[in-house]
Amino acid sequence: MISITALFKSKTENIEQLQSMLNHLVTETRKEAACVRYDLHHSENVFIIWEEWQDQPGLDIHNNQPYLQDFIKQSEGLVSSPIQVYKTTQLV
């Protein structure tokens, strides 16, 4: 199992637009065969996606999906800092 945490810090004026785009991303990603979990969380202007993937090949397929690539390009002007992505391993 592979875990990913992605953090998006929205510019204040773009919170609703970014959330709408993230909702679409979640909907599409959950359709992928290797996706175990893809949950969106929110606090003020920060959005967090918590992901779990069956394996690296499934994650690689996700990372090359056109809708993910489009999201990354379109969101660049909506965030106040670069998107942070952490690939982690569960310890306990």
C-alpha atoms as a PDB file:
ATOM      1  CA  MET A   1       0.000   0.000   0.000  1.00  0.00           C
ATOM      2  CA  ILE A   2       1.258   3.461  -0.912  1.00  0.00           C
ATOM      3  CA  SER A   3       0.083   6.549   0.968  1.00  0.00           C
ATOM      4  CA  ILE A   4       0.185  10.080  -0.412  1.00  0.00           C
ATOM      5  CA  THR A   5      -0.698  13.349   1.282  1.00  0.00           C
ATOM      6  CA  ALA A   6      -1.048  16.397  -0.960  1.00  0.00           C
ATOM      7  CA  LEU A   7      -1.446  19.940   0.397  1.00  0.00           C
ATOM      8  CA  PHE A   8      -2.942  22.834  -1.575  1.00  0.00           C
ATOM      9  CA  LYS A   9      -2.889  26.356  -0.140  1.00  0.00           C
ATOM     10  CA  SER A  10      -5.466  28.378  -2.021  1.00  0.00           C
ATOM     11  CA  LYS A  11      -5.328  32.100  -2.571  1.00  0.00           C
ATOM     12  CA  THR A  12      -8.249  33.499  -0.568  1.00  0.00           C
ATOM     13  CA  GLU A  13     -10.112  34.681  -3.655  1.00  0.00           C
ATOM     14  CA  ASN A  14      -9.843  31.235  -5.312  1.00  0.00           C
ATOM     15  CA  ILE A  15     -11.077  28.926  -2.539  1.00  0.00           C
ATOM     16  CA  GLU A  16     -14.404  28.058  -4.188  1.00  0.00           C
ATOM     17  CA  GLN A  17     -12.883  27.541  -7.640  1.00  0.00           C
ATOM     18  CA  LEU A  18     -10.079  25.349  -6.300  1.00  0.00           C
ATOM     19  CA  GLN A  19     -12.526  23.292  -4.235  1.00  0.00           C
ATOM     20  CA  SER A  20     -14.688  22.705  -7.307  1.00  0.00           C
ATOM     21  CA  MET A  21     -11.655  21.549  -9.290  1.00  0.00           C
ATOM     22  CA  LEU A  22     -10.536  19.289  -6.435  1.00  0.00           C
ATOM     23  CA  ASN A  23     -14.029  17.776  -6.175  1.00  0.00           C
ATOM     24  CA  HIS A  24     -13.819  16.860  -9.872  1.00  0.00           C
ATOM     25  CA  LEU A  25     -10.342  15.401  -9.347  1.00  0.00           C
ATOM     26  CA  VAL A  26     -11.609  13.243  -6.476  1.00  0.00           C
ATOM     27  CA  THR A  27     -14.586  11.996  -8.496  1.00  0.00           C
ATOM     28  CA  GLU A  28     -12.414  10.958 -11.448  1.00  0.00           C
ATOM     29  CA  THR A  29      -9.621   9.465  -9.357  1.00  0.00           C
ATOM     30  CA  ARG A  30     -11.944   7.263  -7.318  1.00  0.00           C
ATOM     31  CA  LYS A  31     -12.854   5.486 -10.582  1.00  0.00           C
ATOM     32  CA  GLU A  32      -9.272   4.209 -10.985  1.00  0.00           C
ATOM     33  CA  ALA A  33      -8.780   0.503 -10.283  1.00  0.00           C
ATOM     34  CA  ALA A  34      -5.703   0.960  -8.065  1.00  0.00           C
ATOM     35  CA  CYS A  35      -7.264   3.719  -5.949  1.00  0.00           C
ATOM     36  CA  VAL A  36      -8.017   2.474  -2.434  1.00  0.00           C
ATOM     37  CA  ARG A  37      -8.773   5.866  -0.882  1.00  0.00           C
ATOM     38  CA  TYR A  38      -8.839   9.436  -2.179  1.00  0.00           C
ATOM     39  CA  ASP A  39     -10.329  11.812   0.382  1.00  0.00           C
ATOM     40  CA  LEU A  40     -10.489  15.598   0.350  1.00  0.00           C
ATOM     41  CA  HIS A  41     -10.175  17.589   3.587  1.00  0.00           C
ATOM     42  CA  HIS A  42     -10.379  21.354   4.143  1.00  0.00           C
ATOM     43  CA  SER A  43      -9.396  23.943   6.745  1.00  0.00           C
ATOM     44  CA  GLU A  44      -9.647  27.656   5.955  1.00  0.00           C
ATOM     45  CA  ASN A  45      -7.649  28.110   2.720  1.00  0.00           C
ATOM     46  CA  VAL A  46      -5.872  24.728   2.880  1.00  0.00           C
ATOM     47  CA  PHE A  47      -7.063  21.596   1.101  1.00  0.00           C
ATOM     48  CA  ILE A  48      -5.565  18.189   1.824  1.00  0.00           C
ATOM     49  CA  ILE A  49      -5.956  15.052  -0.245  1.00  0.00           C
ATOM     50  CA  TRP A  50      -5.237  11.818   1.575  1.00  0.00           C
ATOM     51  CA  GLU A  51      -4.581   9.003  -0.888  1.00  0.00           C
ATOM     52  CA  GLU A  52      -3.943   5.267  -0.689  1.00  0.00           C
ATOM     53  CA  TRP A  53      -2.910   3.209  -3.688  1.00  0.00           C
ATOM     54  CA  GLN A  54      -2.664  -0.544  -4.183  1.00  0.00           C
ATOM     55  CA  ASP A  55       0.755  -0.363  -5.812  1.00  0.00           C
ATOM     56  CA  GLN A  56       3.295   1.804  -7.616  1.00  0.00           C
ATOM     57  CA  PRO A  57       2.121   0.870 -11.136  1.00  0.00           C
ATOM     58  CA  GLY A  58      -1.402   2.046 -10.216  1.00  0.00           C
ATOM     59  CA  LEU A  59      -0.027   5.302  -8.832  1.00  0.00           C
ATOM     60  CA  ASP A  60       2.041   5.770 -11.989  1.00  0.00           C
ATOM     61  CA  ILE A  61      -1.108   5.389 -14.108  1.00  0.00           C
ATOM     62  CA  HIS A  62      -2.854   7.990 -11.935  1.00  0.00           C
ATOM     63  CA  ASN A  63       0.024  10.440 -12.206  1.00  0.00           C
ATOM     64  CA  ASN A  64      -0.241  10.304 -16.008  1.00  0.00           C
ATOM     65  CA  GLN A  65      -4.015  10.762 -16.263  1.00  0.00           C
ATOM     66  CA  PRO A  66      -4.964  13.748 -18.457  1.00  0.00           C
ATOM     67  CA  TYR A  67      -7.419  15.049 -15.848  1.00  0.00           C
ATOM     68  CA  LEU A  68      -4.659  15.136 -13.210  1.00  0.00           C
ATOM     69  CA  GLN A  69      -2.225  16.857 -15.557  1.00  0.00           C
ATOM     70  CA  ASP A  70      -4.936  19.398 -16.495  1.00  0.00           C
ATOM     71  CA  PHE A  71      -5.692  20.023 -12.826  1.00  0.00           C
ATOM     72  CA  ILE A  72      -2.029  20.684 -12.041  1.00  0.00           C
ATOM     73  CA  LYS A  73      -1.719  23.200 -14.879  1.00  0.00           C
ATOM     74  CA  GLN A  74      -5.013  24.958 -14.147  1.00  0.00           C
ATOM     75  CA  SER A  75      -4.442  25.193 -10.395  1.00  0.00           C
ATOM     76  CA  GLU A  76      -1.016  26.866 -10.591  1.00  0.00           C
ATOM     77  CA  GLY A  77      -2.528  30.359 -10.595  1.00  0.00           C
ATOM     78  CA  LEU A  78      -5.037  29.541  -7.861  1.00  0.00           C
ATOM     79  CA  VAL A  79      -2.617  28.478  -5.121  1.00  0.00           C
ATOM     80  CA  SER A  80      -0.495  30.727  -2.931  1.00  0.00           C
ATOM     81  CA  SER A  81       2.445  28.314  -2.833  1.00  0.00           C
ATOM     82  CA  PRO A  82       3.544  25.226  -4.759  1.00  0.00           C
ATOM     83  CA  ILE A  83       1.536  22.056  -4.170  1.00  0.00           C
ATOM     84  CA  GLN A  84       3.260  19.876  -1.582  1.00  0.00           C
ATOM     85  CA  VAL A  85       3.132  16.103  -2.093  1.00  0.00           C
ATOM     86  CA  TYR A  86       4.401  13.601   0.450  1.00  0.00           C
ATOM     87  CA  LYS A  87       4.742   9.895  -0.305  1.00  0.00           C
ATOM     88  CA  THR A  88       4.762   8.108   3.024  1.00  0.00           C
ATOM     89  CA  THR A  89       4.952   4.662   4.565  1.00  0.00           C
ATOM     90  CA  GLN A  90       2.811   3.720   7.561  1.00  0.00           C
ATOM     91  CA  LEU A  91       4.943   2.949  10.613  1.00  0.00           C
ATOM     92  CA  VAL A  92       2.355   1.697  13.083  1.00  0.00           C
END
